[in-house]
Amino acid sequence: MPIASYTITAQNDMYVVIIDNNDHERPSVTNSAAAVISDLNVKFGGLGTRRVFYRDTIRRYDELKHQGGVFTGFAVCSAAQQEFLQNQ
């Protein structure tokens, strides 16, 4: 299965922020979340405890939850998190 096209916009030892490039020939980050987490895990040599936030195709931020670089689900970002992430 193809992976979403995404861009890393911020990264540090606590979190990674990505945006969905909205490539209509590929699945969205939402629809390929497990593959995106796996890809990030490889790129960073392990995500460790970093949180992964993403901006979806409707420009809303949410979190891709993972454990040890394996996707475990989604979490909704609060209004304060939305505001913070928009400035990253």
Protein backbone atom coordinates (compact mmCIF):
# COMPACT_ATOMS: atom_id res chain seq x y z
CA MET A 1 0.00 0.00 0.00
CA PRO A 2 1.37 3.45 -0.88
CA ILE A 3 2.15 5.90 1.89
CA ALA A 4 0.90 9.47 2.22
CA SER A 5 3.00 12.32 0.95
CA TYR A 6 3.89 14.48 3.95
CA THR A 7 6.33 17.16 5.03
CA ILE A 8 8.05 17.38 8.40
CA THR A 9 7.64 20.98 9.61
CA ALA A 10 9.04 20.74 13.15
CA GLN A 11 10.97 18.20 15.16
CA ASN A 12 12.74 17.95 18.48
CA ASP A 13 13.24 15.33 21.17
CA MET A 14 9.64 15.75 22.38
CA TYR A 15 7.55 15.86 19.21
CA VAL A 16 7.36 15.75 15.43
CA VAL A 17 4.93 17.86 13.39
CA ILE A 18 4.01 16.87 9.85
CA ILE A 19 1.56 18.16 7.28
CA ASP A 20 -0.34 16.10 4.76
CA ASN A 21 0.69 17.25 1.26
CA ASN A 22 -2.79 16.37 -0.02
CA ASP A 23 -1.42 14.39 -2.97
CA HIS A 24 -4.54 13.02 -4.63
CA GLU A 25 -2.59 10.11 -6.09
CA ARG A 26 -1.67 8.83 -2.60
CA PRO A 27 -3.65 8.07 0.53
CA SER A 28 -3.97 10.76 3.19
CA VAL A 29 -1.93 10.66 6.40
CA THR A 30 -5.14 9.63 8.17
CA ASN A 31 -5.66 6.70 5.80
CA SER A 32 -2.04 5.53 5.96
CA ALA A 33 -1.30 6.37 9.60
CA ALA A 34 0.43 3.07 10.41
CA ALA A 35 2.74 3.42 7.40
CA VAL A 36 3.50 7.06 8.26
CA ILE A 37 4.47 6.16 11.84
CA SER A 38 6.62 3.31 10.54
CA ASP A 39 8.29 5.65 8.03
CA LEU A 40 8.97 8.30 10.70
CA ASN A 41 10.32 5.63 13.03
CA VAL A 42 12.88 4.67 10.37
CA LYS A 43 13.73 8.29 9.49
CA PHE A 44 14.44 9.18 13.12
CA GLY A 45 16.18 5.93 13.99
CA GLY A 46 13.33 5.32 16.43
CA LEU A 47 10.61 7.70 17.56
CA GLY A 48 11.10 6.82 21.21
CA THR A 49 8.61 8.83 23.24
CA ARG A 50 8.23 11.65 20.70
CA ARG A 51 4.64 12.62 20.08
CA VAL A 52 3.60 12.85 16.43
CA PHE A 53 1.18 15.59 15.39
CA TYR A 54 -0.16 16.04 11.89
CA ARG A 55 -2.17 18.58 9.95
CA ASP A 56 -4.78 16.80 7.90
CA THR A 57 -6.29 17.76 4.56
CA ILE A 58 -8.85 20.05 6.25
CA ARG A 59 -6.01 21.85 8.07
CA ARG A 60 -6.83 20.45 11.50
CA TYR A 61 -4.13 19.06 13.78
CA ASP A 62 -4.46 15.70 15.50
CA GLU A 63 -2.04 13.24 17.03
CA LEU A 64 -0.87 9.91 15.67
CA LYS A 65 -0.41 7.79 18.79
CA HIS A 66 2.28 5.14 18.78
CA GLN A 67 4.16 2.84 21.06
CA GLY A 68 7.70 1.98 20.10
CA GLY A 69 7.13 3.27 16.57
CA VAL A 70 3.98 1.18 16.05
CA PHE A 71 0.75 3.09 15.36
CA THR A 72 -1.86 2.62 18.10
CA GLY A 73 -4.55 5.18 17.25
CA PHE A 74 -5.55 8.81 16.95
CA ALA A 75 -6.02 11.56 19.53
CA VAL A 76 -7.84 14.84 19.05
CA CYS A 77 -5.82 17.98 19.74
CA SER A 78 -7.26 20.61 22.07
CA ALA A 79 -7.87 24.21 21.03
CA ALA A 80 -4.63 25.23 22.78
CA GLN A 81 -2.69 22.51 20.95
CA GLN A 82 -4.24 23.61 17.63
CA GLU A 83 -3.03 27.16 18.24
CA PHE A 84 0.47 26.05 19.27
CA LEU A 85 0.87 23.68 16.32
CA GLN A 86 -0.27 26.29 13.79
CA ASN A 87 2.76 28.34 14.77
CA GLN A 88 5.30 25.52 14.28
